[in-house]
Amino acid sequence: MIRLSIPLRQALARLSLPLMIAAAFGVMLLGKADALLAERLRTHLSDALSPIYAALAEPTAAVRSAVEEVRFLATLREQNAALREENERLRRWHATALALEAENEMLRRQLNFLPEAAPAFVTARVVADGGGTYARAVLLATGPQHAIRKGQVALDERGFVGRVTEVGSRSARVLLATDMNSRIPVTLESSRARAIMAGTNGARPRLAHWPEGVIPVEGERVVTSAEAGAFPAGLPVGVIRVSPQGAPEIELFARLDRLDAVRLFDYGLSGIIPPEAVARPEPRPRRR
């Protein structure tokens, strides 16, 4: 160990702080004056380390790609199994449909069945929503010469929409199935029970007046009923949905919020009597 004299140690102690301050200022001046050199050093260092980073990243990317490939193959396998099951189910339904078609054709020949004539229909474009007497109705634009009359059935490409309630020379108004004034006789397709579909001014009409002992089932199809000769039987309406309160409602097949055009069918039914055809009572004679 080197021993220093007391005066030398005192001199070094007095000079250490000024030397450190001078060194700090020197480093600051060097950094300010040679910023370009520092940037070049960083660039060269990055260039030297980038191949190493790339070499380390390749195994990681390969592992990630292999994991994604395994996941894709597993998903593809599940989808393939589901498609095979669905294909097998469709084959069974196809065979059943062919058998039913053959049986139906045989029964028609035995009964000398005469098929019903296809109903006449016209297509009209929806030009306005709401308005008029009803809260849920649409206005249709028709040509100047048309055969539209009150009571005709309105359908879209999915199912039942409503019925014609007003007819003008160039327009017609359709009362939608969701209007609170709408009452449509329907049939539950599985149980063949008859009921009434009543509008609520909401998205789903409610089911009412079904027979005692019949419980509407979630998802059961609903079609129109020929009760009272107001509508033809079998037009697709919707499916049963049970509300949180336990009340059966009908989710319509038709997209009433996206109606662009509807078809108006004339089935030749007279169950709906136009208001002008209702007989009015004769006025009573005044007493003298």
C-alpha atoms as a PDB file:
ATOM      1  CA  MET A   1       0.000   0.000   0.000  1.00  0.00           C
ATOM      2  CA  ILE A   2       1.418   3.365  -1.061  1.00  0.00           C
ATOM      3  CA  ARG A   3       1.626   5.864   1.771  1.00  0.00           C
ATOM      4  CA  LEU A   4       1.183   9.522   0.864  1.00  0.00           C
ATOM      5  CA  SER A   5       2.341  12.424   2.873  1.00  0.00           C
ATOM      6  CA  ILE A   6      -0.188  14.556   4.632  1.00  0.00           C
ATOM      7  CA  PRO A   7       0.445  17.687   2.503  1.00  0.00           C
ATOM      8  CA  LEU A   8       0.036  15.621  -0.693  1.00  0.00           C
ATOM      9  CA  ARG A   9      -3.212  14.126   0.524  1.00  0.00           C
ATOM     10  CA  GLN A  10      -4.534  17.551   1.443  1.00  0.00           C
ATOM     11  CA  ALA A  11      -3.625  18.868  -2.014  1.00  0.00           C
ATOM     12  CA  LEU A  12      -5.364  15.937  -3.713  1.00  0.00           C
ATOM     13  CA  ALA A  13      -8.466  16.439  -1.589  1.00  0.00           C
ATOM     14  CA  ARG A  14      -8.588  20.099  -2.556  1.00  0.00           C
ATOM     15  CA  LEU A  15      -8.135  19.284  -6.277  1.00  0.00           C
ATOM     16  CA  SER A  16     -10.530  16.308  -6.556  1.00  0.00           C
ATOM     17  CA  LEU A  17     -13.743  18.363  -6.691  1.00  0.00           C
ATOM     18  CA  PRO A  18     -12.461  20.860  -9.316  1.00  0.00           C
ATOM     19  CA  LEU A  19     -11.130  17.949 -11.407  1.00  0.00           C
ATOM     20  CA  MET A  20     -14.466  16.116 -11.301  1.00  0.00           C
ATOM     21  CA  ILE A  21     -16.328  19.268 -12.286  1.00  0.00           C
ATOM     22  CA  ALA A  22     -13.918  19.874 -15.153  1.00  0.00           C
ATOM     23  CA  ALA A  23     -14.295  16.234 -16.304  1.00  0.00           C
ATOM     24  CA  ALA A  24     -18.096  16.547 -16.262  1.00  0.00           C
ATOM     25  CA  PHE A  25     -17.979  19.720 -18.346  1.00  0.00           C
ATOM     26  CA  GLY A  26     -15.573  18.004 -20.717  1.00  0.00           C
ATOM     27  CA  VAL A  27     -17.917  15.061 -21.215  1.00  0.00           C
ATOM     28  CA  MET A  28     -20.828  17.453 -21.798  1.00  0.00           C
ATOM     29  CA  LEU A  29     -18.850  19.421 -24.367  1.00  0.00           C
ATOM     30  CA  LEU A  30     -17.714  16.218 -26.040  1.00  0.00           C
ATOM     31  CA  GLY A  31     -21.328  14.963 -26.280  1.00  0.00           C
ATOM     32  CA  LYS A  32     -22.524  18.240 -27.745  1.00  0.00           C
ATOM     33  CA  ALA A  33     -19.674  18.552 -30.173  1.00  0.00           C
ATOM     34  CA  ASP A  34     -19.655  14.950 -31.363  1.00  0.00           C
ATOM     35  CA  ALA A  35     -23.372  14.038 -31.561  1.00  0.00           C
ATOM     36  CA  LEU A  36     -22.892  12.820 -35.114  1.00  0.00           C
ATOM     37  CA  LEU A  37     -20.191  10.419 -33.910  1.00  0.00           C
ATOM     38  CA  ALA A  38     -22.514   9.018 -31.238  1.00  0.00           C
ATOM     39  CA  GLU A  39     -25.263   8.538 -33.809  1.00  0.00           C
ATOM     40  CA  ARG A  40     -22.840   6.718 -36.102  1.00  0.00           C
ATOM     41  CA  LEU A  41     -21.788   4.474 -33.239  1.00  0.00           C
ATOM     42  CA  ARG A  42     -25.417   3.629 -32.475  1.00  0.00           C
ATOM     43  CA  THR A  43     -26.086   2.899 -36.153  1.00  0.00           C
ATOM     44  CA  HIS A  44     -23.075   0.618 -36.457  1.00  0.00           C
ATOM     45  CA  LEU A  45     -24.074  -1.150 -33.250  1.00  0.00           C
ATOM     46  CA  SER A  46     -27.607  -1.674 -34.557  1.00  0.00           C
ATOM     47  CA  ASP A  47     -26.243  -2.980 -37.858  1.00  0.00           C
ATOM     48  CA  ALA A  48     -24.031  -5.396 -36.004  1.00  0.00           C
ATOM     49  CA  LEU A  49     -26.848  -6.647 -33.729  1.00  0.00           C
ATOM     50  CA  SER A  50     -29.626  -6.875 -36.339  1.00  0.00           C
ATOM     51  CA  PRO A  51     -28.425 -10.231 -37.831  1.00  0.00           C
ATOM     52  CA  ILE A  52     -28.332 -11.648 -34.319  1.00  0.00           C
ATOM     53  CA  TYR A  53     -31.874 -10.434 -33.658  1.00  0.00           C
ATOM     54  CA  ALA A  54     -33.019 -11.855 -37.017  1.00  0.00           C
ATOM     55  CA  ALA A  55     -31.408 -15.211 -36.257  1.00  0.00           C
ATOM     56  CA  LEU A  56     -33.130 -15.309 -32.872  1.00  0.00           C
ATOM     57  CA  ALA A  57     -36.470 -14.279 -34.385  1.00  0.00           C
ATOM     58  CA  GLU A  58     -36.565 -17.039 -37.029  1.00  0.00           C
ATOM     59  CA  PRO A  59     -37.057 -19.928 -34.563  1.00  0.00           C
ATOM     60  CA  THR A  60     -39.725 -17.923 -32.738  1.00  0.00           C
ATOM     61  CA  ALA A  61     -41.593 -17.230 -35.985  1.00  0.00           C
ATOM     62  CA  ALA A  62     -41.271 -20.872 -36.991  1.00  0.00           C
ATOM     63  CA  VAL A  63     -42.686 -22.031 -33.654  1.00  0.00           C
ATOM     64  CA  ARG A  64     -45.524 -19.517 -33.893  1.00  0.00           C
ATOM     65  CA  SER A  65     -46.316 -20.636 -37.444  1.00  0.00           C
ATOM     66  CA  ALA A  66     -46.266 -24.289 -36.383  1.00  0.00           C
ATOM     67  CA  VAL A  67     -48.653 -23.584 -33.492  1.00  0.00           C
ATOM     68  CA  GLU A  68     -51.039 -21.699 -35.792  1.00  0.00           C
ATOM     69  CA  GLU A  69     -50.874 -24.541 -38.315  1.00  0.00           C
ATOM     70  CA  VAL A  70     -51.760 -27.063 -35.607  1.00  0.00           C
ATOM     71  CA  ARG A  71     -54.683 -24.930 -34.463  1.00  0.00           C
ATOM     72  CA  PHE A  72     -55.887 -24.542 -38.053  1.00  0.00           C
ATOM     73  CA  LEU A  73     -55.694 -28.293 -38.623  1.00  0.00           C
ATOM     74  CA  ALA A  74     -57.642 -28.944 -35.410  1.00  0.00           C
ATOM     75  CA  THR A  75     -60.330 -26.440 -36.427  1.00  0.00           C
ATOM     76  CA  LEU A  76     -60.433 -27.918 -39.929  1.00  0.00           C
ATOM     77  CA  ARG A  77     -60.858 -31.371 -38.472  1.00  0.00           C
ATOM     78  CA  GLU A  78     -63.761 -30.249 -36.277  1.00  0.00           C
ATOM     79  CA  GLN A  79     -65.431 -28.487 -39.203  1.00  0.00           C
ATOM     80  CA  ASN A  80     -64.942 -31.551 -41.387  1.00  0.00           C
ATOM     81  CA  ALA A  81     -66.595 -33.765 -38.764  1.00  0.00           C
ATOM     82  CA  ALA A  82     -69.497 -31.315 -38.410  1.00  0.00           C
ATOM     83  CA  LEU A  83     -69.942 -31.155 -42.193  1.00  0.00           C
ATOM     84  CA  ARG A  84     -69.929 -34.944 -42.439  1.00  0.00           C
ATOM     85  CA  GLU A  85     -72.582 -35.183 -39.741  1.00  0.00           C
ATOM     86  CA  GLU A  86     -74.679 -32.490 -41.421  1.00  0.00           C
ATOM     87  CA  ASN A  87     -74.270 -34.178 -44.801  1.00  0.00           C
ATOM     88  CA  GLU A  88     -75.423 -37.484 -43.345  1.00  0.00           C
ATOM     89  CA  ARG A  89     -78.417 -35.793 -41.744  1.00  0.00           C
ATOM     90  CA  LEU A  90     -79.311 -34.106 -45.030  1.00  0.00           C
ATOM     91  CA  ARG A  91     -79.090 -37.441 -46.830  1.00  0.00           C
ATOM     92  CA  ARG A  92     -81.566 -38.946 -44.370  1.00  0.00           C
ATOM     93  CA  TRP A  93     -83.906 -35.991 -44.825  1.00  0.00           C
ATOM     94  CA  HIS A  94     -83.535 -36.264 -48.597  1.00  0.00           C
ATOM     95  CA  ALA A  95     -84.515 -39.928 -48.504  1.00  0.00           C
ATOM     96  CA  THR A  96     -87.465 -39.127 -46.239  1.00  0.00           C
ATOM     97  CA  ALA A  97     -88.583 -36.314 -48.540  1.00  0.00           C
ATOM     98  CA  LEU A  98     -88.434 -38.596 -51.594  1.00  0.00           C
ATOM     99  CA  ALA A  99     -90.478 -41.234 -49.798  1.00  0.00           C
ATOM    100  CA  LEU A 100     -93.065 -38.673 -48.695  1.00  0.00           C
ATOM    101  CA  GLU A 101     -93.214 -37.227 -52.188  1.00  0.00           C
ATOM    102  CA  ALA A 102     -93.873 -40.647 -53.682  1.00  0.00           C
ATOM    103  CA  GLU A 103     -96.495 -41.405 -51.054  1.00  0.00           C
ATOM    104  CA  ASN A 104     -98.154 -38.038 -51.584  1.00  0.00           C
ATOM    105  CA  GLU A 105     -98.250 -38.570 -55.337  1.00  0.00           C
ATOM    106  CA  MET A 106     -99.813 -42.007 -54.876  1.00  0.00           C
ATOM    107  CA  LEU A 107    -102.480 -40.652 -52.519  1.00  0.00           C
ATOM    108  CA  ARG A 108    -103.289 -37.850 -54.943  1.00  0.00           C
ATOM    109  CA  ARG A 109    -103.798 -40.323 -57.747  1.00  0.00           C
ATOM    110  CA  GLN A 110    -106.068 -42.442 -55.553  1.00  0.00           C
ATOM    111  CA  LEU A 111    -108.150 -39.434 -54.472  1.00  0.00           C
ATOM    112  CA  ASN A 112    -108.291 -37.792 -57.907  1.00  0.00           C
ATOM    113  CA  PHE A 113    -106.801 -34.710 -56.247  1.00  0.00           C
ATOM    114  CA  LEU A 114    -107.110 -31.445 -58.157  1.00  0.00           C
ATOM    115  CA  PRO A 115    -104.315 -28.997 -57.230  1.00  0.00           C
ATOM    116  CA  GLU A 116    -105.301 -25.453 -56.373  1.00  0.00           C
ATOM    117  CA  ALA A 117    -104.616 -22.793 -58.934  1.00  0.00           C
ATOM    118  CA  ALA A 118    -101.723 -20.474 -58.175  1.00  0.00           C
ATOM    119  CA  PRO A 119    -103.017 -17.170 -56.796  1.00  0.00           C
ATOM    120  CA  ALA A 120    -102.560 -13.978 -58.751  1.00  0.00           C
ATOM    121  CA  PHE A 121    -100.254 -11.402 -57.228  1.00  0.00           C
ATOM    122  CA  VAL A 122     -98.735  -8.011 -57.882  1.00  0.00           C
ATOM    123  CA  THR A 123     -95.505  -6.559 -56.536  1.00  0.00           C
ATOM    124  CA  ALA A 124     -95.476  -3.048 -55.085  1.00  0.00           C
ATOM    125  CA  ARG A 125     -92.687  -0.923 -53.654  1.00  0.00           C
ATOM    126  CA  VAL A 126     -92.792   0.451 -50.115  1.00  0.00           C
ATOM    127  CA  VAL A 127     -92.564   4.247 -50.220  1.00  0.00           C
ATOM    128  CA  ALA A 128     -93.386   5.251 -46.619  1.00  0.00           C
ATOM    129  CA  ASP A 129     -93.610   3.781 -43.131  1.00  0.00           C
ATOM    130  CA  GLY A 130     -96.339   4.605 -40.666  1.00  0.00           C
ATOM    131  CA  GLY A 131     -98.870   7.328 -41.154  1.00  0.00           C
ATOM    132  CA  GLY A 132    -102.606   6.938 -41.475  1.00  0.00           C
ATOM    133  CA  THR A 133    -104.800   5.409 -38.813  1.00  0.00           C
ATOM    134  CA  TYR A 134    -102.420   2.659 -37.728  1.00  0.00           C
ATOM    135  CA  ALA A 135     -99.091   2.816 -35.918  1.00  0.00           C
ATOM    136  CA  ARG A 136     -97.532  -0.121 -37.795  1.00  0.00           C
ATOM    137  CA  ALA A 137     -98.387   0.173 -41.483  1.00  0.00           C
ATOM    138  CA  VAL A 138     -96.601   0.801 -44.781  1.00  0.00           C
ATOM    139  CA  LEU A 139     -97.683   2.754 -47.840  1.00  0.00           C
ATOM    140  CA  LEU A 140     -97.222   1.109 -51.235  1.00  0.00           C
ATOM    141  CA  ALA A 141     -96.913   2.820 -54.608  1.00  0.00           C
ATOM    142  CA  THR A 142     -99.060   1.142 -57.269  1.00  0.00           C
ATOM    143  CA  GLY A 143     -99.775   1.839 -60.911  1.00  0.00           C
ATOM    144  CA  PRO A 144    -102.830   3.786 -62.025  1.00  0.00           C
ATOM    145  CA  GLN A 145    -104.579   0.612 -63.179  1.00  0.00           C
ATOM    146  CA  HIS A 146    -104.317  -2.171 -60.641  1.00  0.00           C
ATOM    147  CA  ALA A 147    -106.505  -4.926 -59.256  1.00  0.00           C
ATOM    148  CA  ILE A 148    -105.559  -4.498 -55.597  1.00  0.00           C
ATOM    149  CA  ARG A 149    -108.436  -4.760 -53.159  1.00  0.00           C
ATOM    150  CA  LYS A 150    -108.867  -4.721 -49.400  1.00  0.00           C
ATOM    151  CA  GLY A 151    -108.090  -7.929 -47.586  1.00  0.00           C
ATOM    152  CA  GLN A 152    -105.358  -9.139 -49.908  1.00  0.00           C
ATOM    153  CA  VAL A 153    -102.410 -10.861 -48.235  1.00  0.00           C
ATOM    154  CA  ALA A 154     -99.008  -9.171 -48.221  1.00  0.00           C
ATOM    155  CA  LEU A 155     -95.885 -11.355 -48.224  1.00  0.00           C
ATOM    156  CA  ASP A 156     -92.190 -10.740 -48.608  1.00  0.00           C
ATOM    157  CA  GLU A 157     -89.577 -13.306 -49.632  1.00  0.00           C
ATOM    158  CA  ARG A 158     -89.593 -14.785 -46.113  1.00  0.00           C
ATOM    159  CA  GLY A 159     -93.200 -14.926 -44.996  1.00  0.00           C
ATOM    160  CA  PHE A 160     -96.356 -13.157 -43.859  1.00  0.00           C
ATOM    161  CA  VAL A 161     -96.243  -9.352 -43.647  1.00  0.00           C
ATOM    162  CA  GLY A 162     -99.851  -8.197 -43.211  1.00  0.00           C
ATOM    163  CA  ARG A 163    -102.978  -7.419 -45.182  1.00  0.00           C
ATOM    164  CA  VAL A 164    -104.257  -4.553 -47.309  1.00  0.00           C
ATOM    165  CA  THR A 165    -106.562  -2.185 -45.431  1.00  0.00           C
ATOM    166  CA  GLU A 166    -106.739   0.884 -47.702  1.00  0.00           C
ATOM    167  CA  VAL A 167    -106.701   1.125 -51.489  1.00  0.00           C
ATOM    168  CA  GLY A 168    -106.388   4.279 -53.568  1.00  0.00           C
ATOM    169  CA  SER A 169    -106.049   5.001 -57.255  1.00  0.00           C
ATOM    170  CA  ARG A 170    -102.221   4.947 -57.106  1.00  0.00           C
ATOM    171  CA  SER A 171    -101.435   3.666 -53.613  1.00  0.00           C
ATOM    172  CA  ALA A 172    -102.368   1.054 -51.053  1.00  0.00           C
ATOM    173  CA  ARG A 173    -101.748   0.703 -47.324  1.00  0.00           C
ATOM    174  CA  VAL A 174    -100.798  -2.548 -45.622  1.00  0.00           C
ATOM    175  CA  LEU A 175    -101.502  -3.142 -41.951  1.00  0.00           C
ATOM    176  CA  LEU A 176     -98.468  -4.971 -40.554  1.00  0.00           C
ATOM    177  CA  ALA A 177     -98.806  -8.042 -38.365  1.00  0.00           C
ATOM    178  CA  THR A 178     -97.149  -6.206 -35.470  1.00  0.00           C
ATOM    179  CA  ASP A 179     -99.802  -3.463 -35.226  1.00  0.00           C
ATOM    180  CA  MET A 180    -101.959  -3.642 -32.110  1.00  0.00           C
ATOM    181  CA  ASN A 181    -105.077  -3.673 -34.301  1.00  0.00           C
ATOM    182  CA  SER A 182    -103.911  -6.783 -36.180  1.00  0.00           C
ATOM    183  CA  ARG A 183    -105.548 -10.120 -35.345  1.00  0.00           C
ATOM    184  CA  ILE A 184    -104.458 -13.074 -37.492  1.00  0.00           C
ATOM    185  CA  PRO A 185    -105.780 -16.657 -37.141  1.00  0.00           C
ATOM    186  CA  VAL A 186    -102.786 -18.997 -36.976  1.00  0.00           C
ATOM    187  CA  THR A 187    -101.999 -22.667 -36.492  1.00  0.00           C
ATOM    188  CA  LEU A 188     -99.182 -24.171 -34.425  1.00  0.00           C
ATOM    189  CA  GLU A 189     -97.579 -26.481 -36.950  1.00  0.00           C
ATOM    190  CA  SER A 190     -96.515 -29.282 -34.588  1.00  0.00           C
ATOM    191  CA  SER A 191     -99.609 -29.551 -32.399  1.00  0.00           C
ATOM    192  CA  ARG A 192    -102.039 -28.291 -35.098  1.00  0.00           C
ATOM    193  CA  ALA A 193    -103.627 -26.125 -32.422  1.00  0.00           C
ATOM    194  CA  ARG A 194    -105.359 -22.963 -33.590  1.00  0.00           C
ATOM    195  CA  ALA A 195    -104.743 -19.591 -31.996  1.00  0.00           C
ATOM    196  CA  ILE A 196    -104.761 -15.855 -32.657  1.00  0.00           C
ATOM    197  CA  MET A 197    -101.674 -13.761 -33.337  1.00  0.00           C
ATOM    198  CA  ALA A 198    -102.276 -10.333 -31.835  1.00  0.00           C
ATOM    199  CA  GLY A 199    -100.051  -7.358 -32.595  1.00  0.00           C
ATOM    200  CA  THR A 200     -98.550  -5.303 -29.779  1.00  0.00           C
ATOM    201  CA  ASN A 201     -96.890  -2.427 -31.685  1.00  0.00           C
ATOM    202  CA  GLY A 202     -93.622  -4.133 -30.756  1.00  0.00           C
ATOM    203  CA  ALA A 203     -91.236  -6.346 -32.670  1.00  0.00           C
ATOM    204  CA  ARG A 204     -93.015  -9.583 -31.709  1.00  0.00           C
ATOM    205  CA  PRO A 205     -96.781 -10.170 -31.729  1.00  0.00           C
ATOM    206  CA  ARG A 206     -98.196 -12.245 -28.882  1.00  0.00           C
ATOM    207  CA  LEU A 207     -99.988 -15.557 -29.125  1.00  0.00           C
ATOM    208  CA  ALA A 208    -103.509 -15.637 -27.678  1.00  0.00           C
ATOM    209  CA  HIS A 209    -106.552 -17.907 -27.392  1.00  0.00           C
ATOM    210  CA  TRP A 210    -104.842 -21.253 -27.913  1.00  0.00           C
ATOM    211  CA  PRO A 211    -106.799 -24.347 -26.796  1.00  0.00           C
ATOM    212  CA  GLU A 212    -106.754 -25.524 -23.215  1.00  0.00           C
ATOM    213  CA  GLY A 213    -104.219 -28.257 -22.602  1.00  0.00           C
ATOM    214  CA  VAL A 214    -101.909 -27.087 -25.401  1.00  0.00           C
ATOM    215  CA  ILE A 215     -98.571 -25.587 -24.406  1.00  0.00           C
ATOM    216  CA  PRO A 216     -96.778 -23.539 -27.109  1.00  0.00           C
ATOM    217  CA  VAL A 217     -93.236 -24.863 -27.444  1.00  0.00           C
ATOM    218  CA  GLU A 218     -90.165 -22.686 -27.963  1.00  0.00           C
ATOM    219  CA  GLY A 219     -89.136 -22.786 -31.620  1.00  0.00           C
ATOM    220  CA  GLU A 220     -92.418 -24.247 -32.923  1.00  0.00           C
ATOM    221  CA  ARG A 221     -93.366 -22.988 -36.372  1.00  0.00           C
ATOM    222  CA  VAL A 222     -96.500 -20.906 -36.817  1.00  0.00           C
ATOM    223  CA  VAL A 223     -98.493 -20.711 -40.065  1.00  0.00           C
ATOM    224  CA  THR A 224    -101.719 -19.008 -41.048  1.00  0.00           C
ATOM    225  CA  SER A 225    -105.072 -20.697 -40.483  1.00  0.00           C
ATOM    226  CA  ALA A 226    -108.021 -20.818 -42.867  1.00  0.00           C
ATOM    227  CA  GLU A 227    -110.387 -20.133 -39.976  1.00  0.00           C
ATOM    228  CA  ALA A 228    -113.327 -17.917 -41.037  1.00  0.00           C
ATOM    229  CA  GLY A 229    -112.010 -17.760 -44.597  1.00  0.00           C
ATOM    230  CA  ALA A 230    -109.887 -14.687 -43.908  1.00  0.00           C
ATOM    231  CA  PHE A 231    -106.503 -16.148 -44.894  1.00  0.00           C
ATOM    232  CA  PRO A 232    -105.317 -19.244 -46.724  1.00  0.00           C
ATOM    233  CA  ALA A 233    -103.877 -22.032 -44.614  1.00  0.00           C
ATOM    234  CA  GLY A 234    -100.173 -22.738 -44.426  1.00  0.00           C
ATOM    235  CA  LEU A 235     -98.558 -19.357 -45.098  1.00  0.00           C
ATOM    236  CA  PRO A 236     -95.313 -19.117 -43.088  1.00  0.00           C
ATOM    237  CA  VAL A 237     -95.590 -16.642 -40.215  1.00  0.00           C
ATOM    238  CA  GLY A 238     -92.802 -17.253 -37.681  1.00  0.00           C
ATOM    239  CA  VAL A 239     -91.667 -19.305 -34.690  1.00  0.00           C
ATOM    240  CA  ILE A 240     -92.661 -19.322 -31.025  1.00  0.00           C
ATOM    241  CA  ARG A 241     -90.404 -17.450 -28.608  1.00  0.00           C
ATOM    242  CA  VAL A 242     -91.101 -17.399 -24.874  1.00  0.00           C
ATOM    243  CA  SER A 243     -90.597 -13.985 -23.275  1.00  0.00           C
ATOM    244  CA  PRO A 244     -88.785 -13.543 -19.935  1.00  0.00           C
ATOM    245  CA  GLN A 245     -92.226 -13.212 -18.346  1.00  0.00           C
ATOM    246  CA  GLY A 246     -93.189 -16.639 -19.720  1.00  0.00           C
ATOM    247  CA  ALA A 247     -95.637 -15.355 -22.355  1.00  0.00           C
ATOM    248  CA  PRO A 248     -95.481 -16.963 -25.822  1.00  0.00           C
ATOM    249  CA  GLU A 249     -94.613 -14.523 -28.589  1.00  0.00           C
ATOM    250  CA  ILE A 250     -94.055 -14.961 -32.323  1.00  0.00           C
ATOM    251  CA  GLU A 251     -90.778 -14.055 -33.984  1.00  0.00           C
ATOM    252  CA  LEU A 252     -91.823 -13.249 -37.539  1.00  0.00           C
ATOM    253  CA  PHE A 253     -89.997 -14.631 -40.548  1.00  0.00           C
ATOM    254  CA  ALA A 254     -90.607 -11.399 -42.459  1.00  0.00           C
ATOM    255  CA  ARG A 255     -88.171  -8.509 -42.035  1.00  0.00           C
ATOM    256  CA  LEU A 256     -90.675  -5.772 -41.302  1.00  0.00           C
ATOM    257  CA  ASP A 257     -87.916  -3.268 -40.524  1.00  0.00           C
ATOM    258  CA  ARG A 258     -86.327  -3.774 -43.974  1.00  0.00           C
ATOM    259  CA  LEU A 259     -89.284  -3.855 -46.321  1.00  0.00           C
ATOM    260  CA  ASP A 260     -88.470  -2.587 -49.802  1.00  0.00           C
ATOM    261  CA  ALA A 261     -91.093  -4.404 -51.847  1.00  0.00           C
ATOM    262  CA  VAL A 262     -93.983  -6.732 -51.006  1.00  0.00           C
ATOM    263  CA  ARG A 263     -96.163  -9.062 -53.019  1.00  0.00           C
ATOM    264  CA  LEU A 264     -99.935  -8.742 -52.699  1.00  0.00           C
ATOM    265  CA  PHE A 265    -101.704 -12.072 -53.278  1.00  0.00           C
ATOM    266  CA  ASP A 266    -105.335 -12.442 -54.224  1.00  0.00           C
ATOM    267  CA  TYR A 267    -106.566 -15.788 -52.894  1.00  0.00           C
ATOM    268  CA  GLY A 268    -110.190 -14.991 -53.681  1.00  0.00           C
ATOM    269  CA  LEU A 269    -111.230 -15.139 -50.031  1.00  0.00           C
ATOM    270  CA  SER A 270    -114.156 -13.138 -48.700  1.00  0.00           C
ATOM    271  CA  GLY A 271    -113.645 -13.637 -44.986  1.00  0.00           C
ATOM    272  CA  ILE A 272    -112.633 -10.000 -44.464  1.00  0.00           C
ATOM    273  CA  ILE A 273    -115.604  -7.785 -45.159  1.00  0.00           C
ATOM    274  CA  PRO A 274    -114.725  -4.286 -46.345  1.00  0.00           C
ATOM    275  CA  PRO A 275    -116.234  -1.511 -44.213  1.00  0.00           C
ATOM    276  CA  GLU A 276    -118.406  -0.235 -47.019  1.00  0.00           C
ATOM    277  CA  ALA A 277    -120.035  -3.674 -47.370  1.00  0.00           C
ATOM    278  CA  VAL A 278    -121.264  -3.747 -43.782  1.00  0.00           C
ATOM    279  CA  ALA A 279    -125.036  -3.188 -43.659  1.00  0.00           C
ATOM    280  CA  ARG A 280    -125.965  -0.062 -41.756  1.00  0.00           C
ATOM    281  CA  PRO A 281    -129.202   0.107 -39.778  1.00  0.00           C
ATOM    282  CA  GLU A 282    -132.058   2.088 -41.261  1.00  0.00           C
ATOM    283  CA  PRO A 283    -132.739   5.384 -39.499  1.00  0.00           C
ATOM    284  CA  ARG A 284    -135.747   5.316 -37.202  1.00  0.00           C
ATOM    285  CA  PRO A 285    -138.715   7.453 -38.234  1.00  0.00           C
ATOM    286  CA  ARG A 286    -139.260  10.507 -36.148  1.00  0.00           C
ATOM    287  CA  ARG A 287    -142.203  10.564 -33.838  1.00  0.00           C
ATOM    288  CA  ARG A 288    -144.796  13.177 -34.503  1.00  0.00           C
END
